N, C-alpha and C. Protein backbone atom coordinates (compact mmCIF):
# COMPACT_ATOMS: atom_id res chain seq x y z
N GLY A 1 -40.34 88.82 -36.96
CA GLY A 1 -40.29 88.79 -35.56
C GLY A 1 -41.51 89.46 -34.95
N VAL A 2 -41.69 89.22 -33.69
CA VAL A 2 -42.79 89.81 -32.93
C VAL A 2 -42.32 91.12 -32.32
N GLU A 3 -43.12 92.16 -32.55
CA GLU A 3 -42.79 93.45 -31.96
C GLU A 3 -43.63 93.65 -30.72
N LEU A 4 -42.99 93.85 -29.60
CA LEU A 4 -43.70 94.05 -28.34
C LEU A 4 -43.90 95.53 -28.09
N MET A 5 -45.11 95.88 -27.65
CA MET A 5 -45.39 97.26 -27.28
C MET A 5 -45.36 97.36 -25.77
N ALA A 6 -45.00 98.52 -25.31
CA ALA A 6 -44.92 98.77 -23.87
C ALA A 6 -45.54 100.12 -23.57
N THR A 7 -45.77 100.37 -22.30
CA THR A 7 -46.21 101.69 -21.86
C THR A 7 -45.00 102.44 -21.34
N SER A 8 -44.76 103.60 -21.91
CA SER A 8 -43.66 104.46 -21.45
C SER A 8 -44.27 105.70 -20.81
N ARG A 9 -43.44 106.43 -20.06
CA ARG A 9 -43.96 107.56 -19.30
C ARG A 9 -43.04 108.77 -19.38
N ILE A 10 -43.68 109.93 -19.37
CA ILE A 10 -42.98 111.21 -19.24
C ILE A 10 -43.46 111.80 -17.92
N VAL A 11 -42.55 112.04 -16.99
CA VAL A 11 -42.89 112.57 -15.67
C VAL A 11 -42.92 114.10 -15.72
N LEU A 12 -43.98 114.68 -15.16
CA LEU A 12 -44.16 116.13 -15.13
C LEU A 12 -44.28 116.59 -13.68
N THR A 13 -43.42 117.50 -13.27
CA THR A 13 -43.46 118.01 -11.90
C THR A 13 -43.82 119.49 -11.92
N PRO A 14 -44.41 119.98 -10.85
CA PRO A 14 -44.85 121.38 -10.83
C PRO A 14 -43.78 122.40 -11.18
N GLU A 15 -42.54 122.16 -10.75
CA GLU A 15 -41.50 123.17 -10.96
C GLU A 15 -41.08 123.32 -12.42
N VAL A 16 -41.44 122.39 -13.29
CA VAL A 16 -41.10 122.55 -14.71
C VAL A 16 -42.24 123.15 -15.52
N ALA A 17 -43.34 123.47 -14.87
CA ALA A 17 -44.48 124.07 -15.56
C ALA A 17 -44.15 125.48 -16.03
N VAL A 18 -44.70 125.82 -17.18
CA VAL A 18 -44.68 127.20 -17.66
C VAL A 18 -46.02 127.78 -17.27
N LEU A 19 -46.00 128.87 -16.52
CA LEU A 19 -47.25 129.47 -16.06
C LEU A 19 -47.68 130.55 -17.05
N PRO A 20 -48.86 130.39 -17.66
CA PRO A 20 -49.29 131.35 -18.69
C PRO A 20 -49.49 132.75 -18.12
N THR A 21 -49.42 133.72 -18.99
CA THR A 21 -49.59 135.12 -18.58
C THR A 21 -50.99 135.36 -18.02
N SER A 22 -51.97 134.71 -18.60
CA SER A 22 -53.36 134.88 -18.17
C SER A 22 -53.82 133.67 -17.36
N ASN A 23 -54.32 133.89 -16.17
CA ASN A 23 -54.89 132.87 -15.29
C ASN A 23 -53.98 131.68 -15.01
N PRO A 24 -52.77 131.94 -14.52
CA PRO A 24 -51.87 130.82 -14.21
C PRO A 24 -52.24 130.15 -12.88
N ALA A 25 -51.95 128.86 -12.80
CA ALA A 25 -51.98 128.19 -11.50
C ALA A 25 -50.87 128.82 -10.66
N THR A 26 -50.92 128.66 -9.36
CA THR A 26 -49.93 129.26 -8.47
C THR A 26 -48.96 128.18 -7.99
N LEU A 27 -47.68 128.38 -8.26
CA LEU A 27 -46.65 127.45 -7.80
C LEU A 27 -46.29 127.80 -6.36
N THR A 28 -46.43 126.82 -5.45
CA THR A 28 -46.08 127.04 -4.04
C THR A 28 -45.24 125.88 -3.53
N LYS A 29 -44.48 126.15 -2.49
CA LYS A 29 -43.65 125.13 -1.84
C LYS A 29 -44.27 124.81 -0.49
N VAL A 30 -44.31 123.53 -0.16
CA VAL A 30 -44.89 123.08 1.10
C VAL A 30 -43.86 122.25 1.85
N THR A 31 -43.74 122.50 3.13
CA THR A 31 -42.89 121.69 4.00
C THR A 31 -43.79 120.93 4.96
N SER A 32 -43.49 119.67 5.17
CA SER A 32 -44.30 118.83 6.05
C SER A 32 -44.46 119.47 7.43
N SER A 33 -45.65 119.31 7.99
CA SER A 33 -45.92 119.82 9.34
C SER A 33 -45.53 118.80 10.42
N ALA A 34 -45.15 117.60 10.00
CA ALA A 34 -44.77 116.56 10.96
C ALA A 34 -43.38 116.85 11.54
N THR A 35 -43.11 116.26 12.69
CA THR A 35 -41.79 116.37 13.31
C THR A 35 -40.79 115.56 12.48
N ALA A 36 -39.67 116.17 12.16
CA ALA A 36 -38.65 115.47 11.37
C ALA A 36 -38.05 114.31 12.15
N THR A 37 -37.76 113.23 11.44
CA THR A 37 -37.05 112.10 12.02
C THR A 37 -35.61 112.55 12.30
N THR A 38 -34.99 112.00 13.33
CA THR A 38 -33.62 112.38 13.69
C THR A 38 -32.70 112.31 12.47
N ASN A 39 -31.91 113.36 12.29
CA ASN A 39 -30.93 113.47 11.22
C ASN A 39 -31.53 113.49 9.81
N THR A 40 -32.80 113.89 9.68
CA THR A 40 -33.41 114.01 8.35
C THR A 40 -34.08 115.38 8.23
N PRO A 41 -34.17 115.88 7.02
CA PRO A 41 -34.92 117.13 6.83
C PRO A 41 -36.42 116.81 6.80
N LYS A 42 -37.23 117.82 6.92
CA LYS A 42 -38.67 117.65 6.73
C LYS A 42 -38.94 117.53 5.23
N PRO A 43 -39.81 116.61 4.83
CA PRO A 43 -40.15 116.52 3.40
C PRO A 43 -40.71 117.86 2.89
N THR A 44 -40.24 118.25 1.72
CA THR A 44 -40.68 119.50 1.09
C THR A 44 -41.01 119.19 -0.36
N TYR A 45 -42.08 119.78 -0.84
CA TYR A 45 -42.45 119.54 -2.23
C TYR A 45 -43.13 120.78 -2.82
N ASN A 46 -43.16 120.82 -4.14
CA ASN A 46 -43.85 121.90 -4.85
C ASN A 46 -45.22 121.41 -5.28
N LYS A 47 -46.15 122.34 -5.40
CA LYS A 47 -47.49 122.03 -5.90
C LYS A 47 -48.00 123.20 -6.70
N LEU A 48 -48.94 122.93 -7.59
CA LEU A 48 -49.62 123.98 -8.34
C LEU A 48 -51.03 124.10 -7.78
N GLU A 49 -51.40 125.30 -7.37
CA GLU A 49 -52.73 125.52 -6.79
C GLU A 49 -53.67 126.14 -7.82
N TYR A 50 -54.88 125.60 -7.85
CA TYR A 50 -55.93 126.04 -8.77
C TYR A 50 -57.12 126.45 -7.91
N ASN A 51 -57.51 127.72 -7.94
CA ASN A 51 -58.60 128.14 -7.06
C ASN A 51 -59.96 127.79 -7.64
N ASP A 52 -61.00 128.05 -6.86
CA ASP A 52 -62.35 127.66 -7.24
C ASP A 52 -63.14 128.73 -7.99
N SER A 53 -62.54 129.89 -8.22
CA SER A 53 -63.31 130.98 -8.83
C SER A 53 -62.91 131.32 -10.26
N THR A 54 -61.73 130.89 -10.71
CA THR A 54 -61.23 131.23 -12.04
C THR A 54 -60.59 130.00 -12.67
N ASP A 55 -60.86 129.79 -13.95
CA ASP A 55 -60.17 128.71 -14.66
C ASP A 55 -58.68 129.02 -14.65
N LYS A 56 -57.88 128.11 -14.12
CA LYS A 56 -56.42 128.28 -14.02
C LYS A 56 -55.74 127.18 -14.82
N HIS A 57 -54.52 127.46 -15.29
CA HIS A 57 -53.79 126.50 -16.11
C HIS A 57 -52.30 126.52 -15.81
N ALA A 58 -51.64 125.43 -16.15
CA ALA A 58 -50.19 125.33 -16.18
C ALA A 58 -49.85 124.57 -17.46
N ILE A 59 -48.72 124.90 -18.06
CA ILE A 59 -48.34 124.32 -19.35
C ILE A 59 -46.99 123.61 -19.21
N PHE A 60 -46.89 122.47 -19.85
CA PHE A 60 -45.66 121.68 -19.87
C PHE A 60 -45.26 121.49 -21.33
N ASN A 61 -44.03 121.84 -21.69
CA ASN A 61 -43.55 121.68 -23.05
C ASN A 61 -42.76 120.38 -23.14
N LEU A 62 -43.08 119.55 -24.15
CA LEU A 62 -42.58 118.19 -24.20
C LEU A 62 -41.98 117.81 -25.54
N PRO A 63 -40.71 117.53 -25.61
CA PRO A 63 -40.19 116.83 -26.78
C PRO A 63 -40.78 115.41 -26.73
N ILE A 64 -41.36 114.95 -27.82
CA ILE A 64 -41.97 113.62 -27.84
C ILE A 64 -40.88 112.59 -28.16
N PRO A 65 -40.73 111.57 -27.33
CA PRO A 65 -39.67 110.58 -27.54
C PRO A 65 -39.79 109.87 -28.88
N ALA A 66 -38.65 109.41 -29.39
CA ALA A 66 -38.59 108.71 -30.68
C ALA A 66 -39.32 107.37 -30.64
N ASP A 67 -39.55 106.81 -29.43
CA ASP A 67 -40.24 105.51 -29.36
C ASP A 67 -41.76 105.64 -29.25
N TYR A 68 -42.31 106.86 -29.38
CA TYR A 68 -43.76 107.06 -29.30
C TYR A 68 -44.44 106.38 -30.49
N LEU A 69 -45.48 105.58 -30.19
CA LEU A 69 -46.31 104.96 -31.23
C LEU A 69 -47.71 105.54 -31.13
N SER A 70 -48.27 105.93 -32.25
CA SER A 70 -49.59 106.57 -32.23
C SER A 70 -50.73 105.55 -32.30
N THR A 71 -50.46 104.29 -31.95
CA THR A 71 -51.49 103.25 -32.01
C THR A 71 -52.58 103.45 -30.95
N ALA A 72 -52.29 104.15 -29.89
CA ALA A 72 -53.26 104.44 -28.84
C ALA A 72 -53.03 105.86 -28.35
N ALA A 73 -54.10 106.56 -28.03
CA ALA A 73 -53.97 107.94 -27.54
C ALA A 73 -53.26 107.94 -26.19
N PRO A 74 -52.44 108.95 -25.93
CA PRO A 74 -51.77 109.03 -24.63
C PRO A 74 -52.76 109.29 -23.50
N VAL A 75 -52.38 108.84 -22.32
CA VAL A 75 -53.21 109.02 -21.13
C VAL A 75 -52.43 109.89 -20.14
N LEU A 76 -53.11 110.90 -19.60
CA LEU A 76 -52.51 111.75 -18.57
C LEU A 76 -53.03 111.30 -17.22
N LYS A 77 -52.12 110.99 -16.31
CA LYS A 77 -52.48 110.62 -14.94
C LYS A 77 -51.95 111.71 -14.02
N ILE A 78 -52.81 112.21 -13.14
CA ILE A 78 -52.39 113.26 -12.21
C ILE A 78 -52.50 112.79 -10.78
N TRP A 79 -51.61 113.32 -9.93
CA TRP A 79 -51.66 113.13 -8.48
C TRP A 79 -52.06 114.48 -7.91
N TRP A 80 -53.12 114.52 -7.12
CA TRP A 80 -53.63 115.78 -6.64
C TRP A 80 -54.28 115.64 -5.27
N THR A 81 -54.51 116.77 -4.67
CA THR A 81 -55.22 116.83 -3.40
C THR A 81 -56.06 118.11 -3.42
N ALA A 82 -56.78 118.35 -2.36
CA ALA A 82 -57.61 119.54 -2.30
C ALA A 82 -57.74 120.02 -0.87
N ALA A 83 -57.89 121.33 -0.72
CA ALA A 83 -58.13 121.90 0.61
C ALA A 83 -59.55 121.59 1.09
N PRO A 84 -60.56 121.69 0.21
CA PRO A 84 -61.92 121.37 0.67
C PRO A 84 -62.09 119.86 0.88
N THR A 85 -63.03 119.50 1.75
CA THR A 85 -63.25 118.08 2.06
C THR A 85 -64.56 117.57 1.47
N SER A 86 -65.23 118.40 0.67
CA SER A 86 -66.45 117.96 -0.01
C SER A 86 -66.56 118.67 -1.35
N GLY A 87 -67.38 118.10 -2.21
CA GLY A 87 -67.58 118.67 -3.54
C GLY A 87 -66.74 117.98 -4.59
N ASN A 88 -66.85 118.47 -5.81
CA ASN A 88 -66.16 117.91 -6.96
C ASN A 88 -65.23 118.94 -7.60
N VAL A 89 -64.17 118.44 -8.20
CA VAL A 89 -63.26 119.26 -9.01
C VAL A 89 -63.34 118.76 -10.44
N VAL A 90 -63.35 119.68 -11.40
CA VAL A 90 -63.31 119.31 -12.81
C VAL A 90 -61.94 119.69 -13.36
N TRP A 91 -61.09 118.69 -13.54
CA TRP A 91 -59.78 118.89 -14.15
C TRP A 91 -59.93 118.78 -15.66
N ILE A 92 -59.16 119.55 -16.40
CA ILE A 92 -59.12 119.47 -17.86
C ILE A 92 -57.66 119.46 -18.30
N ALA A 93 -57.41 118.92 -19.48
CA ALA A 93 -56.05 118.89 -20.01
C ALA A 93 -56.13 118.82 -21.53
N GLY A 94 -55.05 119.21 -22.18
CA GLY A 94 -55.04 119.13 -23.63
C GLY A 94 -53.64 119.24 -24.19
N LEU A 95 -53.49 118.70 -25.40
CA LEU A 95 -52.22 118.76 -26.11
C LEU A 95 -52.28 119.78 -27.23
N GLY A 96 -51.18 120.45 -27.44
CA GLY A 96 -50.96 121.29 -28.61
C GLY A 96 -49.80 120.68 -29.37
N VAL A 97 -50.07 120.19 -30.56
CA VAL A 97 -49.06 119.48 -31.33
C VAL A 97 -48.29 120.44 -32.22
N VAL A 98 -46.98 120.33 -32.17
CA VAL A 98 -46.11 121.11 -33.04
C VAL A 98 -45.41 120.12 -33.98
N VAL A 99 -45.69 120.23 -35.27
CA VAL A 99 -45.05 119.35 -36.25
C VAL A 99 -43.69 119.96 -36.59
N VAL A 100 -42.63 119.23 -36.26
CA VAL A 100 -41.28 119.72 -36.48
C VAL A 100 -41.07 119.97 -37.98
N GLY A 101 -40.56 121.16 -38.30
CA GLY A 101 -40.31 121.52 -39.69
C GLY A 101 -41.52 122.08 -40.41
N THR A 102 -42.69 122.13 -39.72
CA THR A 102 -43.92 122.59 -40.37
C THR A 102 -44.66 123.65 -39.56
N THR A 103 -44.91 123.35 -38.27
CA THR A 103 -45.75 124.22 -37.44
C THR A 103 -44.97 125.40 -36.89
N ASP A 104 -45.53 126.59 -37.00
CA ASP A 104 -44.97 127.79 -36.37
C ASP A 104 -45.29 127.68 -34.88
N PHE A 105 -44.27 127.43 -34.07
CA PHE A 105 -44.47 127.23 -32.63
C PHE A 105 -45.21 128.41 -32.00
N ASP A 106 -44.89 129.63 -32.43
CA ASP A 106 -45.52 130.83 -31.86
C ASP A 106 -47.00 130.95 -32.20
N ALA A 107 -47.48 130.16 -33.16
CA ALA A 107 -48.89 130.23 -33.56
C ALA A 107 -49.64 128.93 -33.27
N SER A 108 -49.06 128.08 -32.44
CA SER A 108 -49.70 126.79 -32.14
C SER A 108 -50.89 126.97 -31.21
N THR A 109 -51.81 126.01 -31.24
CA THR A 109 -52.99 126.02 -30.37
C THR A 109 -53.17 124.63 -29.77
N PHE A 110 -54.02 124.53 -28.77
CA PHE A 110 -54.34 123.24 -28.17
C PHE A 110 -55.45 122.58 -28.97
N LEU A 111 -55.39 121.25 -29.10
CA LEU A 111 -56.36 120.50 -29.89
C LEU A 111 -57.74 120.48 -29.24
N ALA A 112 -57.78 120.34 -27.93
CA ALA A 112 -59.04 120.20 -27.21
C ALA A 112 -58.80 120.43 -25.72
N ALA A 113 -59.89 120.59 -24.99
CA ALA A 113 -59.84 120.59 -23.53
C ALA A 113 -60.52 119.30 -23.10
N ASP A 114 -59.72 118.26 -22.91
CA ASP A 114 -60.25 116.96 -22.53
C ASP A 114 -60.55 116.97 -21.03
N SER A 115 -61.79 116.62 -20.68
CA SER A 115 -62.23 116.70 -19.29
C SER A 115 -62.08 115.37 -18.57
N PHE A 116 -61.61 115.43 -17.33
CA PHE A 116 -61.56 114.27 -16.45
C PHE A 116 -62.97 113.96 -15.92
N GLY A 117 -63.90 114.91 -16.08
CA GLY A 117 -65.22 114.79 -15.48
C GLY A 117 -65.19 115.36 -14.07
N ALA A 118 -66.34 115.34 -13.41
CA ALA A 118 -66.42 115.83 -12.03
C ALA A 118 -65.92 114.73 -11.10
N ILE A 119 -64.86 115.04 -10.36
CA ILE A 119 -64.23 114.05 -9.48
C ILE A 119 -64.36 114.51 -8.04
N ALA A 120 -64.87 113.64 -7.19
CA ALA A 120 -65.02 113.98 -5.77
C ALA A 120 -63.66 114.21 -5.13
N VAL A 121 -63.56 115.26 -4.34
CA VAL A 121 -62.31 115.52 -3.63
C VAL A 121 -62.13 114.46 -2.54
N PRO A 122 -60.87 114.23 -2.13
CA PRO A 122 -60.68 113.30 -1.00
C PRO A 122 -61.45 113.84 0.22
N GLY A 123 -61.95 112.98 1.05
CA GLY A 123 -62.74 113.42 2.20
C GLY A 123 -61.94 114.10 3.30
N THR A 124 -60.62 114.05 3.21
CA THR A 124 -59.74 114.66 4.19
C THR A 124 -58.75 115.55 3.46
N ALA A 125 -58.60 116.79 3.91
CA ALA A 125 -57.65 117.70 3.28
C ALA A 125 -56.25 117.10 3.31
N GLY A 126 -55.54 117.19 2.20
CA GLY A 126 -54.17 116.70 2.14
C GLY A 126 -54.01 115.26 1.70
N ILE A 127 -55.10 114.51 1.61
CA ILE A 127 -55.01 113.12 1.13
C ILE A 127 -54.82 113.16 -0.38
N VAL A 128 -53.87 112.38 -0.90
CA VAL A 128 -53.54 112.39 -2.32
C VAL A 128 -54.47 111.44 -3.08
N LYS A 129 -54.90 111.90 -4.24
CA LYS A 129 -55.79 111.14 -5.11
C LYS A 129 -55.18 111.10 -6.51
N THR A 130 -55.47 110.07 -7.29
CA THR A 130 -55.03 110.02 -8.69
C THR A 130 -56.26 110.02 -9.59
N SER A 131 -56.11 110.64 -10.75
CA SER A 131 -57.16 110.67 -11.77
C SER A 131 -56.51 110.62 -13.13
N SER A 132 -57.24 110.11 -14.14
CA SER A 132 -56.68 109.96 -15.48
C SER A 132 -57.66 110.43 -16.54
N VAL A 133 -57.10 110.84 -17.69
CA VAL A 133 -57.90 111.20 -18.86
C VAL A 133 -57.13 110.81 -20.11
N THR A 134 -57.84 110.32 -21.11
CA THR A 134 -57.24 110.05 -22.41
C THR A 134 -57.26 111.35 -23.21
N LEU A 135 -56.12 111.68 -23.80
CA LEU A 135 -55.97 112.96 -24.48
C LEU A 135 -56.21 112.86 -25.99
N THR A 136 -56.79 113.90 -26.55
CA THR A 136 -56.88 114.05 -28.00
C THR A 136 -55.46 114.30 -28.50
N ALA A 137 -55.00 113.51 -29.46
CA ALA A 137 -53.59 113.58 -29.87
C ALA A 137 -53.42 113.60 -31.39
N THR A 138 -54.37 114.17 -32.09
CA THR A 138 -54.30 114.23 -33.55
C THR A 138 -53.00 114.90 -34.00
N GLY A 139 -52.23 114.20 -34.82
CA GLY A 139 -50.99 114.75 -35.36
C GLY A 139 -49.76 114.56 -34.50
N LEU A 140 -49.92 113.97 -33.32
CA LEU A 140 -48.76 113.74 -32.45
C LEU A 140 -47.91 112.61 -33.02
N VAL A 141 -46.62 112.85 -33.17
CA VAL A 141 -45.73 111.87 -33.80
C VAL A 141 -44.45 111.70 -32.99
N ALA A 142 -43.79 110.56 -33.22
CA ALA A 142 -42.50 110.30 -32.60
C ALA A 142 -41.50 111.38 -33.00
N ALA A 143 -40.66 111.76 -32.07
CA ALA A 143 -39.63 112.79 -32.26
C ALA A 143 -40.22 114.15 -32.60
N GLY A 144 -41.48 114.35 -32.27
CA GLY A 144 -42.14 115.64 -32.46
C GLY A 144 -42.03 116.50 -31.21
N PHE A 145 -42.94 117.45 -31.10
CA PHE A 145 -42.94 118.36 -29.96
C PHE A 145 -44.39 118.68 -29.64
N ALA A 146 -44.69 118.87 -28.36
CA ALA A 146 -46.05 119.20 -27.95
C ALA A 146 -46.02 120.08 -26.71
N SER A 147 -47.10 120.80 -26.53
CA SER A 147 -47.37 121.49 -25.28
C SER A 147 -48.57 120.80 -24.66
N LEU A 148 -48.55 120.67 -23.35
CA LEU A 148 -49.64 120.03 -22.61
C LEU A 148 -50.09 121.01 -21.55
N PHE A 149 -51.40 121.26 -21.49
CA PHE A 149 -51.88 122.09 -20.38
C PHE A 149 -52.68 121.22 -19.43
N ILE A 150 -52.62 121.59 -18.15
CA ILE A 150 -53.45 120.98 -17.12
C ILE A 150 -54.14 122.13 -16.41
N GLY A 151 -55.47 122.04 -16.33
CA GLY A 151 -56.22 123.14 -15.73
C GLY A 151 -57.38 122.66 -14.89
N ARG A 152 -57.97 123.63 -14.21
CA ARG A 152 -59.20 123.39 -13.47
C ARG A 152 -60.29 124.20 -14.15
N ASP A 153 -61.40 123.53 -14.47
CA ASP A 153 -62.54 124.19 -15.10
C ASP A 153 -63.46 124.68 -13.98
N ALA A 154 -63.00 125.72 -13.29
CA ALA A 154 -63.67 126.19 -12.08
C ALA A 154 -65.09 126.68 -12.32
N ASP A 155 -65.38 127.15 -13.54
CA ASP A 155 -66.72 127.66 -13.81
C ASP A 155 -67.66 126.59 -14.38
N ALA A 156 -67.21 125.33 -14.43
CA ALA A 156 -68.10 124.24 -14.82
C ALA A 156 -69.14 124.05 -13.72
N GLY A 157 -70.35 123.84 -14.09
CA GLY A 157 -71.41 123.68 -13.11
C GLY A 157 -71.20 122.52 -12.16
N THR A 158 -70.43 121.53 -12.60
CA THR A 158 -70.19 120.35 -11.76
C THR A 158 -68.94 120.48 -10.89
N ASP A 159 -68.18 121.60 -11.03
CA ASP A 159 -67.04 121.87 -10.15
C ASP A 159 -67.61 122.58 -8.92
N THR A 160 -67.79 121.83 -7.85
CA THR A 160 -68.50 122.35 -6.66
C THR A 160 -67.63 122.45 -5.42
N ALA A 161 -66.36 122.07 -5.51
CA ALA A 161 -65.47 122.14 -4.35
C ALA A 161 -65.06 123.58 -4.12
N VAL A 162 -65.31 124.09 -2.92
CA VAL A 162 -64.98 125.48 -2.59
C VAL A 162 -63.61 125.50 -1.92
N GLY A 163 -62.62 126.01 -2.65
CA GLY A 163 -61.24 126.05 -2.17
C GLY A 163 -60.30 125.55 -3.24
N ASN A 164 -59.01 125.53 -2.92
CA ASN A 164 -57.99 125.15 -3.89
C ASN A 164 -57.93 123.66 -4.15
N ALA A 165 -57.75 123.32 -5.44
CA ALA A 165 -57.34 121.98 -5.85
C ALA A 165 -55.84 122.09 -6.11
N GLU A 166 -55.07 121.08 -5.75
CA GLU A 166 -53.61 121.18 -5.78
C GLU A 166 -53.00 120.03 -6.57
N LEU A 167 -52.28 120.37 -7.63
CA LEU A 167 -51.64 119.37 -8.48
C LEU A 167 -50.22 119.12 -7.95
N LEU A 168 -49.93 117.85 -7.62
CA LEU A 168 -48.64 117.47 -7.07
C LEU A 168 -47.67 116.94 -8.14
N GLY A 169 -48.22 116.38 -9.18
CA GLY A 169 -47.40 115.83 -10.26
C GLY A 169 -48.28 115.13 -11.27
N ALA A 170 -47.67 114.76 -12.40
CA ALA A 170 -48.42 114.09 -13.46
C ALA A 170 -47.47 113.20 -14.25
N VAL A 171 -48.07 112.25 -14.94
CA VAL A 171 -47.34 111.36 -15.83
C VAL A 171 -48.13 111.26 -17.13
N LEU A 172 -47.45 111.44 -18.24
CA LEU A 172 -48.04 111.23 -19.55
C LEU A 172 -47.63 109.83 -20.00
N GLU A 173 -48.59 108.93 -20.12
CA GLU A 173 -48.32 107.56 -20.52
C GLU A 173 -48.62 107.39 -22.00
N TYR A 174 -47.72 106.71 -22.71
CA TYR A 174 -47.91 106.49 -24.15
C TYR A 174 -47.41 105.11 -24.53
N THR A 175 -47.87 104.63 -25.67
CA THR A 175 -47.44 103.33 -26.17
C THR A 175 -46.13 103.47 -26.91
N SER A 176 -45.19 102.58 -26.60
CA SER A 176 -43.88 102.60 -27.26
C SER A 176 -43.55 101.21 -27.78
């Protein structure tokens, strides 16, 4: 028979992030400044803020689904915005693979810091933008476990946006 492959997704929201002890992104709640529609609340959402002076990170711990196929590296897609209206942000991300039954979780490390490159901020504060990066995934297997970090490489020479970059959410796409 013919085996069909598909793209599956793991949704990552700011409130499920583990904030590292050293240089964590800042989790904040935002309520819309618009007037609420009759009989509705104002939209409210969480975001992770990454400042322009220090490399900041947030970590997401992920059980890898049993339908994961390692035929193609996973892609991380992020939804973000920025307070500044000019300059570039350098987002980075990486996986730390934990081999079930083999890897000491307390001694795991990240495989790489995969860079999105220098990405121009939206020209208007608060406008949402999407960006993607293919992740290094050596050793990632179905029914395994991984940690994923998302960070801002604030000290990269090409990160020129002065002010916070704000992560609204992310999706890890993989072949299944």
